């Protein structure tokens, strides 16, 4: 068995004992991967990224600069985390009160994207291929393929798996429409 690692870590990165890092992962300047975290294959962790204990990142997850992924967060395969976006893991933090037993789970499903400077309040699920707009504050579950923006984040449309906003032609039923037929009633 070879002692050679199958991932790249910049010389300024800190990798704690007891974490699992998949092949092809790149960990850049001043990042910290903590013990008991799991990082799948071919992930990219930008500059100044923190991966806390017990965080799970699937394969091909892209984490941009200045992101802290706190205990309780799970990101499935192909997730994109934009620059300086924020996860929380406690609903009512206080410096003088330890609430580790109150960490809430946050699940980011396959292919979802979270824009720059967005904030994700703990205890929610962001659905497959959902898209959270830059600067949004998400405090409720996000449906698969949904586009949410704003503070608080609200559904404003749908996204494709390729990251394109979907446009739908509105069909207004009337008695002359070919789907409903001549003289149809609704």
Protein backbone atom coordinates (compact mmCIF):
# COMPACT_ATOMS: atom_id res chain seq x y z
CA UNK A 1 0.00 0.00 0.00
CA UNK A 2 1.33 3.43 -0.96
CA UNK A 3 1.57 6.28 1.54
CA UNK A 4 1.18 8.78 -1.29
CA UNK A 5 -1.98 10.84 -0.95
CA UNK A 6 -4.43 10.84 -3.86
CA UNK A 7 -5.42 14.50 -3.42
CA UNK A 8 -3.70 17.89 -3.57
CA UNK A 9 -3.46 20.18 -0.54
CA UNK A 10 -1.66 23.53 -0.69
CA UNK A 11 1.18 23.83 1.82
CA UNK A 12 -0.85 26.34 3.90
CA UNK A 13 -3.88 24.03 4.18
CA UNK A 14 -4.47 22.17 7.46
CA UNK A 15 -5.74 18.61 7.20
CA UNK A 16 -6.61 17.02 10.56
CA UNK A 17 -6.11 13.34 11.33
CA UNK A 18 -9.17 11.16 10.95
CA UNK A 19 -10.86 12.79 7.96
CA UNK A 20 -11.56 11.04 4.67
CA UNK A 21 -10.56 12.79 1.43
CA UNK A 22 -11.28 11.26 -1.97
CA UNK A 23 -9.04 10.99 -4.99
CA UNK A 24 -8.61 14.06 -7.16
CA UNK A 25 -9.63 16.56 -4.46
CA UNK A 26 -7.92 19.98 -4.48
CA UNK A 27 -7.64 21.94 -1.23
CA UNK A 28 -6.31 25.48 -1.63
CA UNK A 29 -4.64 28.19 0.47
CA UNK A 30 -5.43 28.57 4.19
CA UNK A 31 -8.22 25.97 4.19
CA UNK A 32 -8.89 23.63 7.13
CA UNK A 33 -10.42 20.15 6.88
CA UNK A 34 -11.31 18.92 10.38
CA UNK A 35 -11.40 15.44 11.82
CA UNK A 36 -14.28 13.05 11.01
CA UNK A 37 -15.27 15.02 7.89
CA UNK A 38 -15.78 13.17 4.62
CA UNK A 39 -14.95 14.66 1.22
CA UNK A 40 -15.81 12.69 -1.93
CA UNK A 41 -13.74 12.45 -5.10
CA UNK A 42 -12.85 15.37 -7.39
CA UNK A 43 -14.00 18.13 -5.04
CA UNK A 44 -12.44 21.60 -5.10
CA UNK A 45 -12.12 23.62 -1.88
CA UNK A 46 -11.14 27.22 -2.59
CA UNK A 47 -9.06 29.54 -0.46
CA UNK A 48 -9.99 29.98 3.23
CA UNK A 49 -12.56 27.16 3.38
CA UNK A 50 -13.39 25.40 6.66
CA UNK A 51 -14.91 21.90 6.68
CA UNK A 52 -16.01 21.16 10.26
CA UNK A 53 -16.15 17.75 11.95
CA UNK A 54 -18.71 15.28 10.57
CA UNK A 55 -19.50 17.35 7.46
CA UNK A 56 -20.10 15.18 4.41
CA UNK A 57 -19.37 16.40 0.87
CA UNK A 58 -20.23 14.13 -2.06
CA UNK A 59 -18.17 13.88 -5.22
CA UNK A 60 -17.49 16.83 -7.53
CA UNK A 61 -18.54 19.45 -4.96
CA UNK A 62 -17.18 22.93 -5.71
CA UNK A 63 -16.65 25.16 -2.67
CA UNK A 64 -15.59 28.69 -3.53
CA UNK A 65 -13.42 31.00 -1.39
CA UNK A 66 -14.34 31.98 2.19
CA UNK A 67 -16.98 29.31 2.91
CA UNK A 68 -17.36 27.61 6.30
CA UNK A 69 -19.28 24.34 6.22
CA UNK A 70 -20.36 23.60 9.77
CA UNK A 71 -21.16 20.33 11.53
CA UNK A 72 -24.59 19.11 10.46
CA UNK A 73 -24.22 19.98 6.75
CA UNK A 74 -24.38 17.30 4.08
CA UNK A 75 -23.83 18.21 0.43
CA UNK A 76 -24.57 15.52 -2.13
CA UNK A 77 -22.71 15.08 -5.45
CA UNK A 78 -22.22 18.01 -7.87
CA UNK A 79 -23.17 20.77 -5.39
CA UNK A 80 -21.83 24.31 -5.97
CA UNK A 81 -21.24 26.61 -2.97
CA UNK A 82 -20.60 30.19 -4.09
CA UNK A 83 -18.04 32.62 -2.65
CA UNK A 84 -18.62 33.67 0.96
CA UNK A 85 -21.96 31.88 1.29
CA UNK A 86 -22.87 30.95 4.87
CA UNK A 87 -24.32 27.90 6.61
CA UNK A 88 -25.63 28.06 10.18
CA UNK A 89 -26.09 25.05 12.47
CA UNK A 90 -27.80 26.44 15.60
CA UNK A 91 -31.04 28.45 15.65
CA UNK A 92 -30.25 30.61 18.68
CA UNK A 93 -26.48 30.82 19.22
CA UNK A 94 -24.97 32.46 22.28
CA UNK A 95 -21.26 32.71 22.98
CA UNK A 96 -21.60 31.70 26.64
CA UNK A 97 -23.97 28.75 26.03
CA UNK A 98 -22.76 25.50 24.46
CA UNK A 99 -25.45 24.11 22.15
CA UNK A 100 -23.60 21.36 20.26
CA UNK A 101 -26.42 18.94 21.07
CA UNK A 102 -28.81 21.30 19.28
CA UNK A 103 -27.04 21.34 15.90
CA UNK A 104 -29.61 21.00 13.13
CA UNK A 105 -28.98 19.06 9.94
CA UNK A 106 -28.93 20.83 6.59
CA UNK A 107 -29.09 18.78 3.41
CA UNK A 108 -28.08 20.16 0.03
CA UNK A 109 -29.23 17.68 -2.61
CA UNK A 110 -27.51 16.61 -5.81
CA UNK A 111 -26.64 19.34 -8.31
CA UNK A 112 -27.92 22.28 -6.24
CA UNK A 113 -26.17 25.66 -6.51
CA UNK A 114 -25.96 28.31 -3.80
CA UNK A 115 -24.93 31.79 -4.93
CA UNK A 116 -22.35 34.16 -3.49
CA UNK A 117 -23.09 35.62 -0.06
CA UNK A 118 -26.27 33.57 0.41
CA UNK A 119 -27.16 32.49 3.95
CA UNK A 120 -28.65 29.06 4.63
CA UNK A 121 -30.47 28.78 7.96
CA UNK A 122 -29.99 25.33 9.50
CA UNK A 123 -32.51 22.51 9.53
CA UNK A 124 -33.63 22.69 5.90
CA UNK A 125 -33.29 20.74 2.68
CA UNK A 126 -32.33 22.32 -0.62
CA UNK A 127 -33.71 20.08 -3.37
CA UNK A 128 -31.98 18.47 -6.34
CA UNK A 129 -30.71 21.02 -8.89
CA UNK A 130 -32.27 23.93 -6.97
CA UNK A 131 -30.67 27.34 -7.40
CA UNK A 132 -30.29 29.87 -4.56
CA UNK A 133 -29.60 33.37 -5.87
CA UNK A 134 -26.69 35.47 -4.63
CA UNK A 135 -27.34 37.23 -1.32
CA UNK A 136 -30.51 35.26 -0.57
CA UNK A 137 -31.46 34.21 2.96
CA UNK A 138 -33.00 30.73 2.91
CA UNK A 139 -35.00 29.72 5.99
CA UNK A 140 -37.35 27.09 4.50
CA UNK A 141 -36.98 23.99 2.36
CA UNK A 142 -36.34 24.61 -1.34
CA UNK A 143 -38.06 22.35 -3.88
CA UNK A 144 -36.06 20.48 -6.51
CA UNK A 145 -35.24 22.63 -9.58
CA UNK A 146 -36.61 25.74 -7.83
CA UNK A 147 -35.03 29.17 -8.23
CA UNK A 148 -35.22 31.16 -4.98
CA UNK A 149 -34.02 34.72 -4.41
CA UNK A 150 -34.30 37.49 -1.84
CA UNK A 151 -34.56 37.96 1.91
CA UNK A 152 -36.43 35.92 2.82
CA UNK A 153 -35.82 33.71 -0.22
CA UNK A 154 -38.92 33.17 -2.34
CA UNK A 155 -39.59 30.91 -5.30
CA UNK A 156 -39.34 32.93 -8.53
CA UNK A 157 -38.94 30.27 -11.20
CA UNK A 158 -37.46 26.95 -12.23
CA UNK A 159 -33.95 25.90 -13.27
CA UNK A 160 -32.69 23.14 -15.53
CA UNK A 161 -30.01 20.63 -14.55
CA UNK A 162 -27.65 22.74 -16.69
CA UNK A 163 -28.25 25.91 -14.70
CA UNK A 164 -30.53 27.65 -17.19
CA UNK A 165 -33.70 29.39 -16.10
CA UNK A 166 -36.70 27.62 -17.56
CA UNK A 167 -39.36 29.63 -19.37
CA UNK A 168 -42.82 28.17 -19.84
CA UNK A 169 -45.42 29.35 -22.32
CA UNK A 170 -48.62 30.04 -20.47
CA UNK A 171 -51.58 28.21 -21.92
CA UNK A 172 -54.86 30.01 -21.45
CA UNK A 173 -57.66 27.53 -21.97
CA UNK A 174 -60.44 28.64 -24.27
CA UNK A 175 -63.05 26.89 -26.33
CA UNK A 176 -61.04 27.29 -29.56
CA UNK A 177 -57.75 25.89 -28.26
CA UNK A 178 -56.78 22.61 -29.98
CA UNK A 179 -56.27 20.82 -26.68
CA UNK A 180 -59.78 21.57 -25.46
CA UNK A 181 -61.61 21.43 -28.77
CA UNK A 182 -64.43 23.46 -30.25
CA UNK A 183 -67.04 24.33 -27.68
CA UNK A 184 -65.26 22.59 -24.79
CA UNK A 185 -66.18 23.57 -21.28
CA UNK A 186 -63.84 23.67 -18.36
